[in-house]
N, C-alpha and C. Protein backbone atom coordinates (compact mmCIF):
# COMPACT_ATOMS: atom_id res chain seq x y z
N MET A 1 6.30 -6.21 6.59
CA MET A 1 4.77 -6.40 7.15
C MET A 1 3.96 -5.55 6.32
N ARG A 2 2.62 -6.29 5.91
CA ARG A 2 1.69 -5.52 5.22
C ARG A 2 0.67 -5.05 5.93
N THR A 3 0.41 -3.79 6.25
CA THR A 3 -0.42 -2.97 6.89
C THR A 3 -1.91 -2.40 6.34
N LEU A 4 -2.88 -2.72 6.47
CA LEU A 4 -4.03 -2.15 6.11
C LEU A 4 -4.58 -1.04 6.84
N ILE A 5 -4.71 0.20 6.58
CA ILE A 5 -5.17 1.27 7.30
C ILE A 5 -6.62 1.77 6.74
N THR A 6 -7.75 1.55 7.36
CA THR A 6 -8.93 1.85 6.84
C THR A 6 -10.06 2.49 7.51
N ASN A 7 -11.14 2.63 6.77
CA ASN A 7 -12.28 3.24 7.51
C ASN A 7 -13.56 2.36 7.27
N LEU A 8 -13.11 1.15 6.59
CA LEU A 8 -14.16 0.28 6.32
C LEU A 8 -14.95 -0.62 7.54
N LYS A 9 -15.95 -0.73 7.28
CA LYS A 9 -16.73 -1.71 8.10
C LYS A 9 -17.19 -2.95 7.66
N GLY A 10 -17.58 -3.79 8.65
CA GLY A 10 -18.49 -5.13 7.85
C GLY A 10 -17.94 -5.97 6.85
N GLN A 11 -18.59 -6.25 5.85
CA GLN A 11 -18.19 -6.97 4.61
C GLN A 11 -17.08 -6.42 4.03
N CYS A 12 -17.14 -5.11 3.76
CA CYS A 12 -16.11 -4.40 2.95
C CYS A 12 -14.52 -4.62 3.75
N LEU A 13 -14.72 -4.33 4.89
CA LEU A 13 -13.55 -4.52 5.83
C LEU A 13 -12.77 -6.00 5.78
N PHE A 14 -13.76 -7.02 5.68
CA PHE A 14 -13.36 -8.36 5.65
C PHE A 14 -12.77 -8.54 4.21
N ASN A 15 -13.32 -8.09 3.10
CA ASN A 15 -13.01 -8.35 1.94
C ASN A 15 -11.67 -7.59 1.75
N ALA A 16 -11.54 -6.25 2.12
CA ALA A 16 -10.40 -5.49 1.81
C ALA A 16 -8.94 -6.46 2.55
N SER A 17 -9.31 -6.90 3.81
CA SER A 17 -8.22 -7.44 4.41
C SER A 17 -7.91 -8.76 3.82
N MET A 18 -8.75 -9.45 3.31
CA MET A 18 -8.34 -10.65 2.54
C MET A 18 -7.88 -10.25 1.29
N LYS A 19 -8.12 -9.56 0.52
CA LYS A 19 -7.54 -8.91 -0.91
C LYS A 19 -6.33 -8.69 -0.66
N ILE A 20 -5.83 -7.75 0.29
CA ILE A 20 -4.65 -7.10 0.40
C ILE A 20 -3.65 -8.14 1.42
N GLN A 21 -4.41 -9.02 1.90
CA GLN A 21 -3.62 -10.21 2.70
C GLN A 21 -2.72 -9.54 3.81
N ALA A 22 -3.31 -8.67 4.54
CA ALA A 22 -2.78 -7.88 5.59
C ALA A 22 -2.50 -8.56 6.60
N GLU A 23 -1.23 -8.26 7.20
CA GLU A 23 -0.77 -8.75 8.44
C GLU A 23 -1.18 -7.89 9.71
N GLY A 24 -1.51 -6.74 9.66
CA GLY A 24 -1.94 -5.81 10.47
C GLY A 24 -2.92 -5.04 9.89
N VAL A 25 -3.97 -4.59 10.73
CA VAL A 25 -5.01 -3.86 10.34
C VAL A 25 -5.20 -2.78 11.40
N ILE A 26 -5.34 -1.40 10.61
CA ILE A 26 -5.56 -0.50 11.65
C ILE A 26 -6.80 0.31 11.06
N ILE A 27 -8.02 0.35 12.09
CA ILE A 27 -9.26 0.80 11.62
C ILE A 27 -9.37 2.36 12.21
N LEU A 28 -9.53 3.08 11.33
CA LEU A 28 -9.82 4.67 11.75
C LEU A 28 -11.38 4.86 11.74
N SER A 29 -11.65 5.33 13.07
CA SER A 29 -13.11 5.94 13.13
C SER A 29 -13.42 7.03 13.48
N GLY A 30 -14.38 7.59 13.06
CA GLY A 30 -14.69 8.88 13.62
C GLY A 30 -15.49 8.96 14.87
N MET A 31 -15.86 10.01 15.47
CA MET A 31 -16.56 10.04 16.76
C MET A 31 -17.53 9.12 16.84
N HIS A 32 -18.35 9.23 15.90
CA HIS A 32 -19.75 8.36 15.55
C HIS A 32 -19.81 7.22 14.90
N HIS A 33 -19.00 6.21 15.53
CA HIS A 33 -18.53 4.91 14.76
C HIS A 33 -19.62 3.81 15.47
N ARG A 34 -19.99 3.02 14.58
CA ARG A 34 -20.60 1.50 15.08
C ARG A 34 -19.70 0.31 14.45
N LYS A 35 -19.66 -0.54 15.21
CA LYS A 35 -19.08 -1.77 15.07
C LYS A 35 -19.89 -2.71 14.57
N THR A 36 -19.51 -3.57 13.46
CA THR A 36 -20.47 -4.76 13.19
C THR A 36 -20.02 -5.95 13.69
N GLU A 37 -20.87 -6.77 13.60
CA GLU A 37 -20.31 -8.44 14.16
C GLU A 37 -19.02 -8.93 13.56
N LEU A 38 -18.95 -8.57 12.11
CA LEU A 38 -18.09 -9.04 11.19
C LEU A 38 -16.56 -8.34 11.63
N ASP A 39 -16.55 -7.00 12.37
CA ASP A 39 -15.41 -6.39 12.81
C ASP A 39 -14.67 -7.28 13.83
N LYS A 40 -15.41 -8.15 14.61
CA LYS A 40 -14.86 -8.62 15.73
C LYS A 40 -13.84 -9.64 15.08
N PHE A 41 -14.00 -10.03 13.87
CA PHE A 41 -12.97 -11.29 13.57
C PHE A 41 -11.64 -10.67 12.89
N ILE A 42 -11.72 -9.31 12.60
CA ILE A 42 -10.37 -8.64 12.08
C ILE A 42 -9.44 -8.30 13.46
N LYS A 43 -8.35 -8.94 13.06
CA LYS A 43 -7.39 -8.50 14.07
C LYS A 43 -6.68 -7.21 13.82
N GLY A 44 -6.54 -6.20 14.72
CA GLY A 44 -5.88 -5.18 14.65
C GLY A 44 -6.44 -3.88 15.67
N GLY A 45 -5.81 -2.73 15.53
CA GLY A 45 -6.29 -1.94 16.31
C GLY A 45 -7.26 -0.82 15.81
N GLU A 46 -7.96 -0.20 16.75
CA GLU A 46 -8.77 0.76 16.17
C GLU A 46 -8.39 2.03 16.84
N ILE A 47 -8.41 3.13 15.85
CA ILE A 47 -8.07 4.66 16.44
C ILE A 47 -9.23 5.28 16.28
N ILE A 48 -9.85 6.00 17.22
CA ILE A 48 -10.71 6.86 17.26
C ILE A 48 -10.62 8.11 16.98
N ILE A 49 -10.85 8.98 15.92
CA ILE A 49 -10.28 10.30 15.79
C ILE A 49 -11.38 11.29 16.34
N GLU A 50 -11.12 11.93 17.55
CA GLU A 50 -12.04 12.66 18.30
C GLU A 50 -12.20 14.21 17.78
N THR A 51 -12.31 14.26 16.63
CA THR A 51 -12.58 15.74 16.18
C THR A 51 -13.33 16.00 14.81
N GLU A 52 -14.24 16.79 14.56
CA GLU A 52 -14.64 16.91 13.30
C GLU A 52 -14.05 17.90 12.34
N ASP A 53 -12.94 18.29 12.93
CA ASP A 53 -12.21 19.48 12.05
C ASP A 53 -11.20 18.75 11.06
N PRO A 54 -11.60 19.03 9.83
CA PRO A 54 -10.86 18.01 8.57
C PRO A 54 -9.22 18.21 8.68
N LEU A 55 -8.82 19.49 9.07
CA LEU A 55 -7.30 19.45 9.14
C LEU A 55 -6.66 18.77 10.04
N GLU A 56 -7.31 18.68 11.41
CA GLU A 56 -6.94 17.78 12.37
C GLU A 56 -7.15 16.38 12.02
N ILE A 57 -8.00 16.22 11.30
CA ILE A 57 -8.48 14.49 10.76
C ILE A 57 -7.09 14.03 10.09
N CYS A 58 -6.78 15.05 8.99
CA CYS A 58 -5.73 14.63 8.06
C CYS A 58 -4.29 14.74 8.79
N LYS A 59 -4.33 15.56 9.81
CA LYS A 59 -2.91 15.40 10.49
C LYS A 59 -2.78 14.22 11.52
N LYS A 60 -3.93 13.87 11.99
CA LYS A 60 -3.94 12.28 12.56
C LYS A 60 -3.69 11.46 11.46
N ILE A 61 -4.34 11.19 10.55
CA ILE A 61 -4.27 10.09 9.56
C ILE A 61 -2.77 10.08 9.25
N SER A 62 -2.20 11.54 8.86
CA SER A 62 -0.99 11.29 8.44
C SER A 62 0.20 10.89 9.40
N GLU A 63 -0.27 10.96 10.55
CA GLU A 63 0.86 10.51 11.84
C GLU A 63 0.68 8.81 11.82
N VAL A 64 -0.43 8.26 11.43
CA VAL A 64 -0.77 6.85 11.64
C VAL A 64 -0.16 6.27 10.42
N VAL A 65 -0.41 6.95 9.36
CA VAL A 65 0.35 6.48 8.05
C VAL A 65 1.79 6.62 8.15
N ASN A 66 2.47 7.52 8.39
CA ASN A 66 4.17 7.70 8.74
C ASN A 66 4.38 6.65 9.74
N GLY A 67 3.65 6.52 11.05
CA GLY A 67 4.08 5.60 11.80
C GLY A 67 4.00 4.11 11.44
N ALA A 68 3.01 3.94 10.78
CA ALA A 68 3.01 2.55 10.15
C ALA A 68 3.81 2.01 9.16
N LYS A 69 4.39 3.11 8.34
CA LYS A 69 5.67 2.97 7.26
C LYS A 69 6.82 2.41 7.68
N LYS A 70 7.06 2.55 9.12
CA LYS A 70 8.17 2.17 9.78
C LYS A 70 8.32 0.73 9.60
N HIS A 71 7.07 -0.06 9.56
CA HIS A 71 6.91 -1.38 9.72
C HIS A 71 6.81 -2.23 8.28
N GLY A 72 6.65 -1.48 7.22
CA GLY A 72 6.60 -2.27 6.18
C GLY A 72 5.73 -1.40 5.11
N GLU A 73 4.96 -2.23 4.15
CA GLU A 73 4.08 -1.90 3.24
C GLU A 73 2.75 -1.31 3.68
N ILE A 74 2.28 -0.34 3.07
CA ILE A 74 1.24 0.47 3.96
C ILE A 74 -0.14 0.35 2.64
N PHE A 75 -1.07 -0.17 2.90
CA PHE A 75 -2.18 -0.10 2.13
C PHE A 75 -3.49 0.57 2.59
N ILE A 76 -4.23 1.33 1.80
CA ILE A 76 -5.32 2.02 2.45
C ILE A 76 -6.44 1.54 1.74
N ALA A 77 -7.71 1.22 2.29
CA ALA A 77 -8.90 1.10 1.83
C ALA A 77 -9.95 1.73 2.66
N TYR A 78 -10.66 2.73 1.76
CA TYR A 78 -11.53 3.62 2.27
C TYR A 78 -12.93 3.42 1.90
N GLY A 79 -13.82 4.07 2.48
CA GLY A 79 -15.38 4.19 1.97
C GLY A 79 -15.57 5.30 2.13
N GLY A 80 -16.57 5.82 1.40
CA GLY A 80 -16.73 7.28 0.91
C GLY A 80 -17.52 8.06 2.06
N ASP A 81 -17.94 7.47 3.16
CA ASP A 81 -18.45 8.13 4.11
C ASP A 81 -17.55 8.61 5.32
N GLY A 82 -18.12 9.61 6.01
CA GLY A 82 -17.15 9.70 7.24
C GLY A 82 -15.79 10.20 6.90
N ILE A 83 -14.56 9.69 7.45
CA ILE A 83 -13.21 10.15 7.11
C ILE A 83 -12.79 9.56 5.82
N GLY A 84 -13.52 8.72 5.11
CA GLY A 84 -12.97 8.18 3.72
C GLY A 84 -12.26 8.98 2.71
N PRO A 85 -12.86 10.18 2.26
CA PRO A 85 -12.17 11.05 1.49
C PRO A 85 -10.99 11.74 1.89
N LEU A 86 -11.04 11.95 3.29
CA LEU A 86 -9.94 12.69 3.65
C LEU A 86 -8.80 11.31 3.96
N LEU A 87 -9.16 10.33 4.12
CA LEU A 87 -8.23 9.19 4.38
C LEU A 87 -7.55 8.96 2.75
N ASN A 88 -8.41 8.85 1.90
CA ASN A 88 -7.89 8.88 0.67
C ASN A 88 -6.93 10.22 0.15
N PHE A 89 -7.33 10.95 0.65
CA PHE A 89 -6.26 12.32 0.05
C PHE A 89 -5.04 11.97 0.94
N VAL A 90 -5.06 11.85 2.11
CA VAL A 90 -3.75 11.64 2.70
C VAL A 90 -2.90 10.50 2.30
N ALA A 91 -3.61 9.37 1.93
CA ALA A 91 -3.10 8.14 1.19
C ALA A 91 -2.30 8.70 -0.04
N ASN A 92 -2.93 9.30 -0.78
CA ASN A 92 -2.32 9.82 -2.29
C ASN A 92 -0.89 10.49 -1.84
N LYS A 93 -1.27 11.46 -0.83
CA LYS A 93 -0.08 12.65 -0.36
C LYS A 93 1.18 11.90 0.33
N GLU A 94 0.84 10.82 1.01
CA GLU A 94 1.94 10.17 1.67
C GLU A 94 2.65 9.19 1.03
N GLY A 95 2.12 8.91 -0.08
CA GLY A 95 3.01 7.94 -0.88
C GLY A 95 2.90 6.41 -0.40
N ILE A 96 1.80 5.82 -0.31
CA ILE A 96 1.61 4.58 0.03
C ILE A 96 1.83 3.49 -0.89
N ASN A 97 1.59 2.14 -0.63
CA ASN A 97 1.82 1.08 -1.44
C ASN A 97 0.69 1.10 -2.58
N ALA A 98 -0.36 1.21 -2.03
CA ALA A 98 -1.79 0.94 -2.77
C ALA A 98 -2.93 1.74 -2.11
N ILE A 99 -4.03 1.96 -2.92
CA ILE A 99 -5.23 2.66 -2.49
C ILE A 99 -6.45 1.59 -2.89
N PHE A 100 -7.40 1.25 -2.23
CA PHE A 100 -8.44 0.66 -2.63
C PHE A 100 -9.67 1.24 -1.75
N THR A 101 -10.73 0.95 -2.84
CA THR A 101 -12.22 1.51 -2.07
C THR A 101 -13.00 0.29 -2.33
N CYS A 102 -14.46 0.70 -1.61
CA CYS A 102 -15.16 -0.69 -1.48
C CYS A 102 -16.44 0.13 -2.40
N TYR A 103 -16.97 -0.78 -3.43
CA TYR A 103 -17.97 -0.47 -4.09
C TYR A 103 -18.79 -1.73 -4.16
N ASN A 104 -20.15 -1.63 -3.79
CA ASN A 104 -21.03 -2.77 -3.75
C ASN A 104 -20.47 -3.84 -3.04
N ASP A 105 -19.76 -3.79 -1.86
CA ASP A 105 -19.05 -4.76 -1.19
C ASP A 105 -17.87 -5.74 -2.04
N LYS A 106 -17.47 -4.75 -3.22
CA LYS A 106 -16.41 -5.25 -3.97
C LYS A 106 -15.07 -4.39 -3.60
N ILE A 107 -14.12 -4.72 -3.69
CA ILE A 107 -12.68 -4.16 -3.48
C ILE A 107 -12.30 -3.62 -4.57
N LEU A 108 -12.16 -2.29 -5.09
CA LEU A 108 -11.60 -1.95 -6.05
C LEU A 108 -10.10 -1.16 -5.97
N ARG A 109 -8.99 -1.39 -6.45
CA ARG A 109 -7.99 -0.48 -6.61
C ARG A 109 -8.05 0.44 -7.28
N ILE A 110 -7.67 1.77 -6.80
CA ILE A 110 -7.73 2.79 -7.59
C ILE A 110 -6.28 3.61 -7.70
N PRO A 111 -6.25 4.41 -8.86
CA PRO A 111 -4.84 4.98 -9.08
C PRO A 111 -4.36 5.84 -8.03
N ILE A 112 -2.86 5.79 -7.74
CA ILE A 112 -2.46 6.86 -6.83
C ILE A 112 -2.32 7.98 -7.42
N LEU A 113 -2.91 9.27 -7.11
CA LEU A 113 -2.96 10.55 -7.69
C LEU A 113 -1.70 11.11 -6.91
N LYS A 114 -1.03 12.28 -7.82
CA LYS A 114 0.04 13.02 -7.16
C LYS A 114 -0.25 14.64 -7.02
N LEU A 115 -0.06 15.16 -5.97
CA LEU A 115 -0.46 16.66 -5.82
C LEU A 115 0.78 17.49 -6.39
N ASP A 116 0.75 18.07 -7.39
CA ASP A 116 1.84 18.38 -8.11
C ASP A 116 2.01 19.92 -7.56
N LEU A 117 2.71 19.93 -6.37
CA LEU A 117 3.11 21.42 -6.02
C LEU A 117 4.69 21.45 -5.86
N SER A 118 5.15 22.60 -6.67
CA SER A 118 6.46 23.11 -6.58
C SER A 118 6.87 23.46 -5.35
N LYS A 119 8.35 23.61 -5.35
CA LYS A 119 8.96 24.10 -4.13
C LYS A 119 8.41 25.55 -3.72
N THR A 120 8.19 26.32 -4.95
CA THR A 120 7.95 27.54 -4.57
C THR A 120 6.34 27.73 -4.25
N ARG A 121 5.39 26.80 -4.76
CA ARG A 121 4.15 26.86 -4.50
C ARG A 121 4.09 26.37 -3.06
N LYS A 122 4.79 25.41 -2.57
CA LYS A 122 4.64 24.93 -1.04
C LYS A 122 5.07 26.10 -0.21
N LYS A 123 6.28 26.98 -0.55
CA LYS A 123 6.78 28.11 0.22
C LYS A 123 5.72 29.02 0.37
N ILE A 124 4.92 29.47 -0.76
CA ILE A 124 3.96 30.25 -0.74
C ILE A 124 2.79 29.67 0.20
N LEU A 125 2.45 28.49 0.03
CA LEU A 125 1.58 28.07 0.77
C LEU A 125 1.61 28.18 2.55
N GLU A 126 3.12 27.78 2.55
CA GLU A 126 3.69 27.99 4.34
C GLU A 126 3.29 29.48 4.72
N PHE A 127 3.87 30.42 3.57
CA PHE A 127 3.84 31.85 4.13
C PHE A 127 2.35 32.13 4.54
N LEU A 128 1.49 31.87 3.53
CA LEU A 128 -0.04 32.31 3.90
C LEU A 128 -0.53 31.46 4.79
N SER A 129 -0.01 30.10 5.36
CA SER A 129 -0.75 29.74 6.60
C SER A 129 -0.23 30.40 7.84
N LEU A 130 0.79 31.32 7.79
CA LEU A 130 0.91 32.17 9.03
C LEU A 130 0.24 33.41 8.91
N GLU A 131 0.03 33.93 7.80
CA GLU A 131 -0.78 35.20 7.63
C GLU A 131 -1.16 35.58 6.23
N ASP A 132 -2.16 36.30 6.07
CA ASP A 132 -2.69 36.84 4.77
C ASP A 132 -1.71 37.83 4.18
N LEU A 133 -1.14 37.74 3.06
CA LEU A 133 0.12 38.35 2.14
C LEU A 133 -0.54 39.14 1.07
N THR A 134 0.17 40.26 0.59
CA THR A 134 -0.09 40.71 -0.62
C THR A 134 1.05 40.04 -1.69
N ALA A 135 0.73 40.29 -2.89
CA ALA A 135 1.58 39.59 -3.91
C ALA A 135 3.08 40.21 -3.63
N ALA A 136 3.22 41.34 -3.38
CA ALA A 136 4.53 42.00 -3.15
C ALA A 136 5.26 41.44 -2.00
N GLU A 137 4.38 41.10 -1.08
CA GLU A 137 4.89 40.54 0.33
C GLU A 137 5.29 39.28 0.07
N ILE A 138 4.56 38.36 -0.73
CA ILE A 138 4.79 37.00 -1.09
C ILE A 138 6.04 36.97 -1.97
N GLY A 139 6.37 38.00 -2.99
CA GLY A 139 7.52 38.22 -3.68
C GLY A 139 8.89 38.38 -3.02
N GLN A 140 8.49 39.10 -2.01
CA GLN A 140 9.96 39.62 -1.18
C GLN A 140 10.07 38.31 -0.15
N LYS A 141 9.17 37.85 0.30
CA LYS A 141 9.58 36.57 1.38
C LYS A 141 10.06 35.41 0.33
N ALA A 142 9.36 35.10 -0.95
CA ALA A 142 9.83 33.90 -1.54
C ALA A 142 11.21 34.17 -2.63
N GLY A 143 11.52 35.58 -2.71
CA GLY A 143 12.53 35.92 -3.55
C GLY A 143 12.31 35.99 -4.83
N ILE A 144 11.09 35.87 -5.61
CA ILE A 144 10.72 35.93 -6.81
C ILE A 144 9.95 37.14 -7.40
N SER A 145 9.92 37.33 -8.67
CA SER A 145 9.29 38.64 -9.08
C SER A 145 7.74 38.55 -8.83
N ARG A 146 7.14 40.02 -9.02
CA ARG A 146 5.71 40.00 -8.76
C ARG A 146 4.82 39.45 -9.76
N ALA A 147 5.23 39.37 -11.09
CA ALA A 147 5.09 38.40 -12.24
C ALA A 147 4.83 36.94 -11.84
N MET A 148 5.83 36.67 -11.48
CA MET A 148 6.01 35.02 -11.08
C MET A 148 5.10 34.75 -9.97
N VAL A 149 4.92 35.67 -8.95
CA VAL A 149 3.97 35.57 -7.78
C VAL A 149 2.54 35.26 -8.46
N TYR A 150 2.14 36.13 -9.26
CA TYR A 150 0.77 36.29 -9.73
C TYR A 150 0.43 34.80 -10.57
N LYS A 151 1.62 34.38 -11.21
CA LYS A 151 1.64 33.20 -12.13
C LYS A 151 1.25 31.90 -10.82
N HIS A 152 2.12 31.88 -9.94
CA HIS A 152 1.97 30.88 -8.81
C HIS A 152 0.71 30.99 -8.16
N LEU A 153 0.09 32.19 -7.87
CA LEU A 153 -1.13 32.34 -7.12
C LEU A 153 -2.24 31.95 -8.40
N ALA A 154 -2.09 32.33 -9.19
CA ALA A 154 -3.32 31.86 -10.12
C ALA A 154 -3.50 30.24 -10.07
N GLY A 155 -2.18 29.59 -10.23
CA GLY A 155 -2.35 28.25 -10.34
C GLY A 155 -2.79 27.56 -8.86
N LEU A 156 -2.38 28.34 -7.75
CA LEU A 156 -2.86 27.99 -6.57
C LEU A 156 -4.49 28.25 -6.22
N ILE A 157 -4.76 29.44 -6.73
CA ILE A 157 -6.27 29.57 -6.86
C ILE A 157 -7.18 28.47 -7.62
N ASP A 158 -6.72 27.99 -8.75
CA ASP A 158 -7.28 27.12 -9.56
C ASP A 158 -7.49 25.92 -8.99
N MET A 159 -6.45 25.47 -8.03
CA MET A 159 -6.38 24.32 -7.46
C MET A 159 -7.23 24.47 -6.26
N GLY A 160 -7.87 25.66 -5.96
CA GLY A 160 -8.46 25.82 -4.70
C GLY A 160 -7.91 25.88 -3.21
N LEU A 161 -6.57 25.91 -3.41
CA LEU A 161 -5.73 26.27 -2.13
C LEU A 161 -5.26 27.72 -1.72
N VAL A 162 -5.61 28.54 -2.26
CA VAL A 162 -5.51 30.00 -2.07
C VAL A 162 -6.59 30.69 -2.59
N GLU A 163 -7.00 31.90 -1.84
CA GLU A 163 -8.19 32.77 -2.40
C GLU A 163 -7.93 33.94 -2.18
N LYS A 164 -8.61 35.02 -2.63
CA LYS A 164 -8.48 36.48 -2.23
C LYS A 164 -8.85 36.60 -0.71
N SER A 165 -8.06 37.35 0.13
CA SER A 165 -8.48 37.38 1.33
C SER A 165 -9.43 38.69 1.42
N ARG A 166 -10.15 38.79 2.59
CA ARG A 166 -11.16 39.94 2.89
C ARG A 166 -10.60 41.04 3.16
N TYR A 167 -9.21 41.05 3.36
CA TYR A 167 -8.38 42.29 3.32
C TYR A 167 -7.92 42.72 1.99
N PHE A 168 -7.95 43.89 1.78
CA PHE A 168 -7.71 44.60 0.60
C PHE A 168 -6.32 44.19 0.01
N GLU A 169 -6.54 43.47 -1.25
CA GLU A 169 -5.26 43.01 -2.11
C GLU A 169 -4.35 42.04 -1.25
N LYS A 170 -5.08 41.49 -0.40
CA LYS A 170 -4.16 40.29 0.24
C LYS A 170 -4.57 39.03 -0.47
N PHE A 171 -3.90 37.95 -0.07
CA PHE A 171 -4.34 36.46 -0.39
C PHE A 171 -4.16 35.54 0.68
N ALA A 172 -5.13 34.69 0.99
CA ALA A 172 -5.15 33.78 2.03
C ALA A 172 -5.34 32.31 1.56
N ILE A 173 -4.80 31.60 2.65
CA ILE A 173 -4.74 30.05 2.33
C ILE A 173 -6.07 29.58 2.71
N THR A 174 -6.78 28.50 1.80
CA THR A 174 -7.73 27.87 2.16
C THR A 174 -7.90 26.64 3.09
N GLN A 175 -8.91 26.07 3.58
CA GLN A 175 -8.79 25.06 4.17
C GLN A 175 -7.93 23.78 3.39
N ALA A 176 -8.45 23.60 2.02
CA ALA A 176 -7.64 22.72 1.25
C ALA A 176 -6.25 22.98 1.26
N GLY A 177 -5.76 24.16 1.17
CA GLY A 177 -4.37 24.69 1.12
C GLY A 177 -3.57 24.14 2.45
N LYS A 178 -4.23 24.42 3.59
CA LYS A 178 -3.86 23.91 4.90
C LYS A 178 -3.56 22.46 4.92
N ILE A 179 -4.59 21.67 4.37
CA ILE A 179 -4.46 20.28 4.37
C ILE A 179 -3.28 19.81 3.48
N ALA A 180 -3.06 20.74 2.10
CA ALA A 180 -2.16 20.02 1.23
C ALA A 180 -0.75 20.26 1.94
N ILE A 181 -0.36 21.23 2.92
CA ILE A 181 0.98 21.12 3.44
C ILE A 181 1.00 20.69 4.46
N ILE A 182 0.21 19.78 5.03
CA ILE A 182 0.52 19.00 6.27
C ILE A 182 1.77 18.12 6.12
């Protein structure tokens, strides 16, 4: 089964479902959504995401994508407003079949990108999701030298996933970091 998960509306939704030849459509809407007349003709379900917290939105999108994967191929088509950018991020992270976006009512396939995090960097993010830590504490928990901790932290800071904490010499996970380890 080919399932389209999307936040598109109107002509873009219609064009995406035709291009993908979707057998099922799941429309994700934010709290402030409006249906168009064309939306009535698209068969599928609508899930309203009742939060404005980006982390919670990503968790919900991830649940929907992983639930739909059990039934076959997954395609994502998103628009740039509302939850669209978060839908695109989760699609890249969850390893779906293809991603499309709508530009001037045309459906364009875009490349799937990979968030390149080593096991050690993922561990560091998981540790920091629980509490702010010093480099020494991270090294102790991860079982790596302080020099390696600083190397990993520099990379995570460059990616915007970690920042210096407001507490002396500690590091903290950012909102983007929390989303990256969903």
